[in-house]
Amino acid sequence: MVKTLLRFWRDERGYSLVWTASVTAFVFVPMLALTIGVGRWFVCKGELQKAADLAALAAAQEVDVVHFRETGQIILLPSAYSVASEYASLNSNYLHARGVGPRLIRAWVDQSDHTVRVRLEADVSSLFPRDLPSIVIRAEGTAQVKGLNR
């Protein structure tokens, strides 16, 4: 048995195995983890952007038409925030399946180009290793207000 072990250590064929295992452990495994993490971040960002766009479309339907006809100024009804928040929540299935929900930060009207803008954010830290700092993604959706006649 001792002779077999000594022969193994003297033989140089085992060095390539050790070298390959070291390179795999210290280079390829972290690269794989980074690739998976970056991919997960982009999926979350895309999901939040989709939710923001649909929330903006929902909020654009909540324009005070009477106020617009009287003054020419576009304002949102009080229900716009809850409707936008609900649409954002309904259209973020990937995030909800992982216990993350988007939050409506702000909804406002841009009078210059008659658009409604919505800003969402989501804390996706729970989807990544605990050693990383807090990861919060943000997205802004825009919808054109159309069909208003004075």
N, C-alpha and C. Protein backbone atom coordinates (compact mmCIF):
# COMPACT_ATOMS: atom_id res chain seq x y z
N MET A 1 0.82 -1.19 0.00
CA MET A 1 0.00 0.00 0.00
C MET A 1 0.86 1.26 0.00
N VAL A 2 1.91 1.27 0.82
CA VAL A 2 2.80 2.42 0.90
C VAL A 2 3.52 2.62 -0.43
N LYS A 3 3.91 1.54 -1.06
CA LYS A 3 4.60 1.64 -2.35
C LYS A 3 3.68 2.25 -3.41
N THR A 4 2.40 1.90 -3.33
CA THR A 4 1.43 2.45 -4.30
C THR A 4 1.27 3.95 -4.10
N LEU A 5 1.19 4.39 -2.86
CA LEU A 5 1.06 5.82 -2.59
C LEU A 5 2.30 6.60 -3.02
N LEU A 6 3.48 6.03 -2.75
CA LEU A 6 4.72 6.70 -3.16
C LEU A 6 4.81 6.79 -4.68
N ARG A 7 4.38 5.73 -5.35
CA ARG A 7 4.41 5.74 -6.81
C ARG A 7 3.44 6.80 -7.35
N PHE A 8 2.28 6.98 -6.68
CA PHE A 8 1.31 7.99 -7.12
C PHE A 8 1.90 9.39 -7.00
N TRP A 9 2.59 9.67 -5.90
CA TRP A 9 3.13 11.01 -5.69
C TRP A 9 4.33 11.28 -6.59
N ARG A 10 5.07 10.24 -6.96
CA ARG A 10 6.20 10.44 -7.86
C ARG A 10 5.76 10.58 -9.31
N ASP A 11 4.62 10.02 -9.59
CA ASP A 11 4.11 10.06 -10.96
C ASP A 11 3.55 11.46 -11.24
N GLU A 12 3.84 12.06 -12.36
CA GLU A 12 3.42 13.43 -12.65
C GLU A 12 2.04 13.51 -13.27
N ARG A 13 1.40 12.40 -13.51
CA ARG A 13 0.07 12.43 -14.10
C ARG A 13 -0.96 13.05 -13.16
N GLY A 14 -0.79 12.96 -11.88
CA GLY A 14 -1.74 13.50 -10.91
C GLY A 14 -1.73 15.02 -10.84
N TYR A 15 -0.65 15.65 -11.27
CA TYR A 15 -0.56 17.11 -11.19
C TYR A 15 -1.56 17.80 -12.11
N SER A 16 -1.79 17.26 -13.27
CA SER A 16 -2.75 17.89 -14.18
C SER A 16 -4.16 17.83 -13.61
N LEU A 17 -4.47 16.76 -12.90
CA LEU A 17 -5.78 16.66 -12.27
C LEU A 17 -5.93 17.73 -11.18
N VAL A 18 -4.91 17.93 -10.38
CA VAL A 18 -4.95 18.93 -9.32
C VAL A 18 -5.05 20.33 -9.94
N TRP A 19 -4.30 20.59 -10.99
CA TRP A 19 -4.33 21.88 -11.67
C TRP A 19 -5.73 22.16 -12.25
N THR A 20 -6.31 21.18 -12.92
CA THR A 20 -7.63 21.35 -13.52
C THR A 20 -8.69 21.59 -12.44
N ALA A 21 -8.62 20.86 -11.36
CA ALA A 21 -9.58 21.05 -10.28
C ALA A 21 -9.43 22.43 -9.65
N SER A 22 -8.21 22.91 -9.50
CA SER A 22 -7.98 24.24 -8.92
C SER A 22 -8.53 25.34 -9.81
N VAL A 23 -8.24 25.26 -11.09
CA VAL A 23 -8.74 26.26 -12.03
C VAL A 23 -10.26 26.26 -12.04
N THR A 24 -10.86 25.09 -12.04
CA THR A 24 -12.31 25.00 -12.04
C THR A 24 -12.89 25.63 -10.78
N ALA A 25 -12.30 25.31 -9.65
CA ALA A 25 -12.84 25.80 -8.38
C ALA A 25 -12.68 27.31 -8.21
N PHE A 26 -11.56 27.86 -8.64
CA PHE A 26 -11.27 29.27 -8.37
C PHE A 26 -11.61 30.22 -9.51
N VAL A 27 -11.88 29.70 -10.69
CA VAL A 27 -12.19 30.58 -11.83
C VAL A 27 -13.60 30.34 -12.36
N PHE A 28 -13.90 29.13 -12.73
CA PHE A 28 -15.15 28.87 -13.41
C PHE A 28 -16.37 28.90 -12.48
N VAL A 29 -16.24 28.45 -11.26
CA VAL A 29 -17.38 28.47 -10.35
C VAL A 29 -17.80 29.92 -10.02
N PRO A 30 -16.88 30.83 -9.68
CA PRO A 30 -17.31 32.23 -9.47
C PRO A 30 -17.88 32.87 -10.74
N MET A 31 -17.30 32.53 -11.90
CA MET A 31 -17.83 33.08 -13.15
C MET A 31 -19.25 32.59 -13.39
N LEU A 32 -19.52 31.33 -13.09
CA LEU A 32 -20.86 30.79 -13.24
C LEU A 32 -21.83 31.48 -12.29
N ALA A 33 -21.42 31.68 -11.05
CA ALA A 33 -22.27 32.37 -10.08
C ALA A 33 -22.56 33.80 -10.51
N LEU A 34 -21.55 34.49 -11.03
CA LEU A 34 -21.74 35.86 -11.51
C LEU A 34 -22.69 35.90 -12.70
N THR A 35 -22.56 34.97 -13.60
CA THR A 35 -23.43 34.91 -14.77
C THR A 35 -24.88 34.68 -14.36
N ILE A 36 -25.10 33.79 -13.43
CA ILE A 36 -26.46 33.53 -12.96
C ILE A 36 -27.02 34.76 -12.26
N GLY A 37 -26.21 35.43 -11.44
CA GLY A 37 -26.66 36.62 -10.72
C GLY A 37 -27.01 37.77 -11.65
N VAL A 38 -26.17 38.01 -12.64
CA VAL A 38 -26.43 39.10 -13.60
C VAL A 38 -27.68 38.78 -14.42
N GLY A 39 -27.84 37.54 -14.81
CA GLY A 39 -29.04 37.14 -15.55
C GLY A 39 -30.30 37.34 -14.73
N ARG A 40 -30.23 36.97 -13.46
CA ARG A 40 -31.39 37.15 -12.57
C ARG A 40 -31.71 38.63 -12.40
N TRP A 41 -30.68 39.48 -12.30
CA TRP A 41 -30.91 40.92 -12.17
C TRP A 41 -31.62 41.48 -13.41
N PHE A 42 -31.17 41.06 -14.61
CA PHE A 42 -31.80 41.55 -15.83
C PHE A 42 -33.25 41.07 -15.97
N VAL A 43 -33.53 39.85 -15.53
CA VAL A 43 -34.91 39.36 -15.58
C VAL A 43 -35.78 40.19 -14.63
N CYS A 44 -35.29 40.46 -13.43
CA CYS A 44 -36.04 41.28 -12.47
C CYS A 44 -36.25 42.69 -13.01
N LYS A 45 -35.23 43.26 -13.61
CA LYS A 45 -35.33 44.61 -14.16
C LYS A 45 -36.37 44.66 -15.28
N GLY A 46 -36.36 43.66 -16.15
CA GLY A 46 -37.34 43.59 -17.24
C GLY A 46 -38.76 43.42 -16.73
N GLU A 47 -38.91 42.59 -15.71
CA GLU A 47 -40.23 42.37 -15.12
C GLU A 47 -40.76 43.66 -14.47
N LEU A 48 -39.89 44.38 -13.79
CA LEU A 48 -40.31 45.63 -13.16
C LEU A 48 -40.62 46.69 -14.21
N GLN A 49 -39.88 46.72 -15.31
CA GLN A 49 -40.16 47.68 -16.39
C GLN A 49 -41.51 47.40 -17.02
N LYS A 50 -41.81 46.12 -17.24
CA LYS A 50 -43.11 45.74 -17.79
C LYS A 50 -44.23 46.19 -16.85
N ALA A 51 -44.05 45.96 -15.56
CA ALA A 51 -45.06 46.37 -14.57
C ALA A 51 -45.22 47.89 -14.54
N ALA A 52 -44.12 48.62 -14.68
CA ALA A 52 -44.18 50.09 -14.67
C ALA A 52 -44.92 50.61 -15.90
N ASP A 53 -44.66 50.03 -17.06
CA ASP A 53 -45.34 50.46 -18.28
C ASP A 53 -46.85 50.22 -18.18
N LEU A 54 -47.23 49.06 -17.67
CA LEU A 54 -48.66 48.76 -17.56
C LEU A 54 -49.32 49.58 -16.46
N ALA A 55 -48.59 49.88 -15.40
CA ALA A 55 -49.13 50.76 -14.36
C ALA A 55 -49.35 52.17 -14.90
N ALA A 56 -48.45 52.64 -15.75
CA ALA A 56 -48.62 53.96 -16.37
C ALA A 56 -49.84 53.98 -17.29
N LEU A 57 -50.03 52.91 -18.04
CA LEU A 57 -51.23 52.83 -18.89
C LEU A 57 -52.50 52.85 -18.05
N ALA A 58 -52.49 52.14 -16.94
CA ALA A 58 -53.67 52.12 -16.06
C ALA A 58 -53.90 53.50 -15.44
N ALA A 59 -52.83 54.16 -15.02
CA ALA A 59 -52.98 55.49 -14.43
C ALA A 59 -53.45 56.51 -15.47
N ALA A 60 -53.05 56.35 -16.72
CA ALA A 60 -53.48 57.27 -17.78
C ALA A 60 -54.98 57.19 -18.02
N GLN A 61 -55.59 56.08 -17.66
CA GLN A 61 -57.04 55.94 -17.78
C GLN A 61 -57.77 56.65 -16.64
N GLU A 62 -57.05 57.05 -15.63
CA GLU A 62 -57.63 57.69 -14.44
C GLU A 62 -57.41 59.20 -14.46
N VAL A 63 -57.68 59.82 -15.58
CA VAL A 63 -57.53 61.27 -15.72
C VAL A 63 -58.87 61.93 -15.41
N ASP A 64 -58.82 63.04 -14.71
CA ASP A 64 -60.03 63.79 -14.39
C ASP A 64 -60.47 64.56 -15.65
N VAL A 65 -61.40 63.97 -16.38
CA VAL A 65 -61.85 64.52 -17.66
C VAL A 65 -62.59 65.84 -17.45
N VAL A 66 -63.40 65.93 -16.42
CA VAL A 66 -64.17 67.16 -16.15
C VAL A 66 -63.21 68.32 -15.89
N HIS A 67 -62.19 68.10 -15.10
CA HIS A 67 -61.21 69.15 -14.82
C HIS A 67 -60.46 69.55 -16.09
N PHE A 68 -60.16 68.60 -16.94
CA PHE A 68 -59.46 68.92 -18.19
C PHE A 68 -60.34 69.79 -19.08
N ARG A 69 -61.62 69.46 -19.18
CA ARG A 69 -62.51 70.24 -20.05
C ARG A 69 -62.71 71.66 -19.54
N GLU A 70 -62.65 71.82 -18.24
CA GLU A 70 -62.83 73.15 -17.65
C GLU A 70 -61.57 74.00 -17.71
N THR A 71 -60.41 73.40 -17.48
CA THR A 71 -59.18 74.17 -17.36
C THR A 71 -58.13 73.87 -18.42
N GLY A 72 -58.21 72.72 -19.06
CA GLY A 72 -57.18 72.33 -20.02
C GLY A 72 -55.97 71.68 -19.37
N GLN A 73 -56.04 71.50 -18.06
CA GLN A 73 -54.92 70.88 -17.33
C GLN A 73 -55.28 69.43 -17.01
N ILE A 74 -54.30 68.55 -17.22
CA ILE A 74 -54.50 67.13 -16.95
C ILE A 74 -54.09 66.84 -15.51
N ILE A 75 -55.02 66.29 -14.74
CA ILE A 75 -54.69 65.83 -13.38
C ILE A 75 -55.25 64.42 -13.21
N LEU A 76 -54.65 63.69 -12.30
CA LEU A 76 -55.09 62.32 -12.04
C LEU A 76 -56.15 62.30 -10.95
N LEU A 77 -57.08 61.39 -11.08
CA LEU A 77 -58.06 61.16 -10.04
C LEU A 77 -57.36 60.53 -8.83
N PRO A 78 -57.93 60.66 -7.65
CA PRO A 78 -57.31 60.02 -6.47
C PRO A 78 -57.18 58.51 -6.61
N SER A 79 -58.03 57.90 -7.39
CA SER A 79 -57.96 56.44 -7.57
C SER A 79 -56.80 56.01 -8.45
N ALA A 80 -56.13 56.94 -9.11
CA ALA A 80 -55.05 56.59 -10.04
C ALA A 80 -53.91 55.85 -9.35
N TYR A 81 -53.59 56.24 -8.14
CA TYR A 81 -52.47 55.62 -7.43
C TYR A 81 -52.78 54.17 -7.08
N SER A 82 -53.98 53.92 -6.59
CA SER A 82 -54.33 52.54 -6.24
C SER A 82 -54.47 51.67 -7.48
N VAL A 83 -55.03 52.22 -8.55
CA VAL A 83 -55.16 51.45 -9.79
C VAL A 83 -53.79 51.13 -10.37
N ALA A 84 -52.90 52.11 -10.39
CA ALA A 84 -51.54 51.88 -10.91
C ALA A 84 -50.80 50.86 -10.06
N SER A 85 -50.95 50.96 -8.76
CA SER A 85 -50.29 50.01 -7.87
C SER A 85 -50.83 48.59 -8.07
N GLU A 86 -52.12 48.48 -8.26
CA GLU A 86 -52.74 47.17 -8.50
C GLU A 86 -52.25 46.56 -9.81
N TYR A 87 -52.20 47.36 -10.87
CA TYR A 87 -51.72 46.86 -12.16
C TYR A 87 -50.25 46.46 -12.09
N ALA A 88 -49.46 47.22 -11.36
CA ALA A 88 -48.05 46.85 -11.20
C ALA A 88 -47.93 45.52 -10.49
N SER A 89 -48.74 45.32 -9.49
CA SER A 89 -48.71 44.08 -8.73
C SER A 89 -49.19 42.89 -9.58
N LEU A 90 -50.23 43.11 -10.36
CA LEU A 90 -50.78 42.02 -11.19
C LEU A 90 -49.86 41.62 -12.33
N ASN A 91 -48.97 42.51 -12.74
CA ASN A 91 -48.13 42.24 -13.91
C ASN A 91 -46.67 42.01 -13.55
N SER A 92 -46.43 41.48 -12.39
CA SER A 92 -45.05 41.15 -12.00
C SER A 92 -45.01 39.74 -11.40
N ASN A 93 -45.46 38.78 -12.19
CA ASN A 93 -45.58 37.40 -11.72
C ASN A 93 -44.25 36.80 -11.29
N TYR A 94 -43.20 37.07 -12.05
CA TYR A 94 -41.88 36.50 -11.72
C TYR A 94 -41.44 36.98 -10.34
N LEU A 95 -41.62 38.25 -10.06
CA LEU A 95 -41.21 38.79 -8.77
C LEU A 95 -42.09 38.25 -7.64
N HIS A 96 -43.40 38.21 -7.86
CA HIS A 96 -44.31 37.72 -6.82
C HIS A 96 -44.05 36.25 -6.50
N ALA A 97 -43.72 35.47 -7.49
CA ALA A 97 -43.43 34.05 -7.25
C ALA A 97 -42.21 33.87 -6.35
N ARG A 98 -41.37 34.88 -6.27
CA ARG A 98 -40.18 34.81 -5.43
C ARG A 98 -40.29 35.68 -4.18
N GLY A 99 -41.50 36.11 -3.86
CA GLY A 99 -41.73 36.86 -2.64
C GLY A 99 -41.34 38.32 -2.70
N VAL A 100 -41.24 38.88 -3.89
CA VAL A 100 -40.87 40.29 -4.05
C VAL A 100 -42.03 41.01 -4.72
N GLY A 101 -42.40 42.15 -4.18
CA GLY A 101 -43.48 42.93 -4.77
C GLY A 101 -43.01 44.32 -5.15
N PRO A 102 -43.46 44.82 -6.30
CA PRO A 102 -43.09 46.19 -6.69
C PRO A 102 -43.85 47.20 -5.84
N ARG A 103 -43.22 48.32 -5.61
CA ARG A 103 -43.84 49.42 -4.85
C ARG A 103 -43.97 50.64 -5.74
N LEU A 104 -45.14 51.25 -5.71
CA LEU A 104 -45.36 52.49 -6.45
C LEU A 104 -44.74 53.62 -5.66
N ILE A 105 -43.76 54.28 -6.25
CA ILE A 105 -43.08 55.38 -5.59
C ILE A 105 -43.76 56.71 -5.92
N ARG A 106 -44.10 56.86 -7.19
CA ARG A 106 -44.64 58.15 -7.62
C ARG A 106 -45.42 57.97 -8.91
N ALA A 107 -46.48 58.73 -9.07
CA ALA A 107 -47.22 58.82 -10.33
C ALA A 107 -47.52 60.29 -10.56
N TRP A 108 -47.19 60.78 -11.74
CA TRP A 108 -47.40 62.20 -12.02
C TRP A 108 -47.69 62.41 -13.50
N VAL A 109 -48.18 63.61 -13.79
CA VAL A 109 -48.53 63.99 -15.16
C VAL A 109 -47.50 64.99 -15.66
N ASP A 110 -47.01 64.78 -16.85
CA ASP A 110 -46.13 65.73 -17.51
C ASP A 110 -47.01 66.54 -18.47
N GLN A 111 -47.29 67.77 -18.10
CA GLN A 111 -48.22 68.60 -18.86
C GLN A 111 -47.67 68.94 -20.25
N SER A 112 -46.36 69.02 -20.38
CA SER A 112 -45.78 69.47 -21.66
C SER A 112 -46.05 68.49 -22.80
N ASP A 113 -46.03 67.20 -22.52
CA ASP A 113 -46.27 66.24 -23.60
C ASP A 113 -47.47 65.32 -23.33
N HIS A 114 -48.31 65.70 -22.37
CA HIS A 114 -49.54 64.97 -22.05
C HIS A 114 -49.26 63.49 -21.79
N THR A 115 -48.31 63.22 -20.89
CA THR A 115 -48.02 61.84 -20.52
C THR A 115 -48.17 61.65 -19.02
N VAL A 116 -48.46 60.42 -18.67
CA VAL A 116 -48.49 60.01 -17.26
C VAL A 116 -47.25 59.16 -17.04
N ARG A 117 -46.54 59.48 -15.98
CA ARG A 117 -45.33 58.72 -15.64
C ARG A 117 -45.52 58.07 -14.29
N VAL A 118 -44.98 56.86 -14.19
CA VAL A 118 -45.07 56.08 -12.97
C VAL A 118 -43.69 55.56 -12.64
N ARG A 119 -43.30 55.67 -11.38
CA ARG A 119 -42.00 55.14 -10.93
C ARG A 119 -42.25 54.03 -9.91
N LEU A 120 -41.64 52.87 -10.17
CA LEU A 120 -41.74 51.72 -9.27
C LEU A 120 -40.35 51.35 -8.77
N GLU A 121 -40.33 50.63 -7.64
CA GLU A 121 -39.08 50.05 -7.18
C GLU A 121 -39.39 48.73 -6.48
N ALA A 122 -38.39 47.87 -6.45
CA ALA A 122 -38.52 46.57 -5.79
C ALA A 122 -37.19 46.21 -5.16
N ASP A 123 -37.24 45.73 -3.93
CA ASP A 123 -36.05 45.26 -3.23
C ASP A 123 -35.89 43.77 -3.54
N VAL A 124 -34.92 43.44 -4.39
CA VAL A 124 -34.70 42.05 -4.82
C VAL A 124 -33.52 41.40 -4.09
N SER A 125 -33.15 41.93 -2.95
CA SER A 125 -32.01 41.41 -2.19
C SER A 125 -32.21 39.95 -1.82
N SER A 126 -33.45 39.53 -1.60
CA SER A 126 -33.70 38.15 -1.19
C SER A 126 -33.39 37.14 -2.29
N LEU A 127 -33.24 37.59 -3.53
CA LEU A 127 -32.95 36.70 -4.64
C LEU A 127 -31.46 36.48 -4.86
N PHE A 128 -30.64 37.15 -4.08
CA PHE A 128 -29.19 37.10 -4.24
C PHE A 128 -28.54 36.65 -2.95
N PRO A 129 -27.27 36.29 -2.99
CA PRO A 129 -26.59 35.87 -1.76
C PRO A 129 -26.64 36.95 -0.68
N ARG A 130 -26.67 36.52 0.56
CA ARG A 130 -26.81 37.45 1.69
C ARG A 130 -25.60 38.34 1.87
N ASP A 131 -24.45 37.95 1.34
CA ASP A 131 -23.23 38.74 1.50
C ASP A 131 -23.26 40.04 0.71
N LEU A 132 -24.12 40.12 -0.29
CA LEU A 132 -24.20 41.32 -1.12
C LEU A 132 -24.98 42.41 -0.40
N PRO A 133 -24.70 43.68 -0.70
CA PRO A 133 -25.50 44.76 -0.11
C PRO A 133 -26.91 44.74 -0.68
N SER A 134 -27.76 45.55 -0.11
CA SER A 134 -29.16 45.63 -0.55
C SER A 134 -29.23 45.96 -2.05
N ILE A 135 -30.07 45.22 -2.76
CA ILE A 135 -30.22 45.42 -4.20
C ILE A 135 -31.65 45.90 -4.47
N VAL A 136 -31.78 47.16 -4.86
CA VAL A 136 -33.08 47.75 -5.17
C VAL A 136 -33.05 48.17 -6.63
N ILE A 137 -34.04 47.69 -7.38
CA ILE A 137 -34.14 48.08 -8.78
C ILE A 137 -35.30 49.05 -8.95
N ARG A 138 -35.16 49.94 -9.91
CA ARG A 138 -36.19 50.96 -10.18
C ARG A 138 -36.53 50.96 -11.66
N ALA A 139 -37.77 51.32 -11.94
CA ALA A 139 -38.20 51.41 -13.33
C ALA A 139 -39.23 52.53 -13.44
N GLU A 140 -39.25 53.16 -14.59
CA GLU A 140 -40.21 54.24 -14.84
C GLU A 140 -40.98 53.93 -16.11
N GLY A 141 -42.29 53.98 -16.02
CA GLY A 141 -43.15 53.74 -17.17
C GLY A 141 -43.82 55.03 -17.61
N THR A 142 -44.11 55.13 -18.89
CA THR A 142 -44.72 56.32 -19.46
C THR A 142 -45.89 55.92 -20.35
N ALA A 143 -46.98 56.66 -20.27
CA ALA A 143 -48.13 56.42 -21.14
C ALA A 143 -48.68 57.75 -21.61
N GLN A 144 -49.03 57.81 -22.86
CA GLN A 144 -49.60 59.01 -23.47
C GLN A 144 -51.08 59.09 -23.13
N VAL A 145 -51.52 60.29 -22.74
CA VAL A 145 -52.94 60.52 -22.47
C VAL A 145 -53.56 60.97 -23.78
N LYS A 146 -54.54 60.19 -24.26
CA LYS A 146 -55.18 60.51 -25.54
C LYS A 146 -56.69 60.50 -25.37
N GLY A 147 -57.36 61.07 -26.31
CA GLY A 147 -58.81 61.03 -26.34
C GLY A 147 -59.49 62.12 -25.51
N LEU A 148 -58.74 63.11 -25.08
CA LEU A 148 -59.35 64.20 -24.31
C LEU A 148 -59.66 65.35 -25.28
N ASN A 149 -60.90 65.78 -25.29
CA ASN A 149 -61.32 66.90 -26.13
C ASN A 149 -61.83 68.01 -25.24
N ARG A 150 -61.41 69.20 -25.55
CA ARG A 150 -61.85 70.36 -24.77
C ARG A 150 -63.10 70.94 -25.30
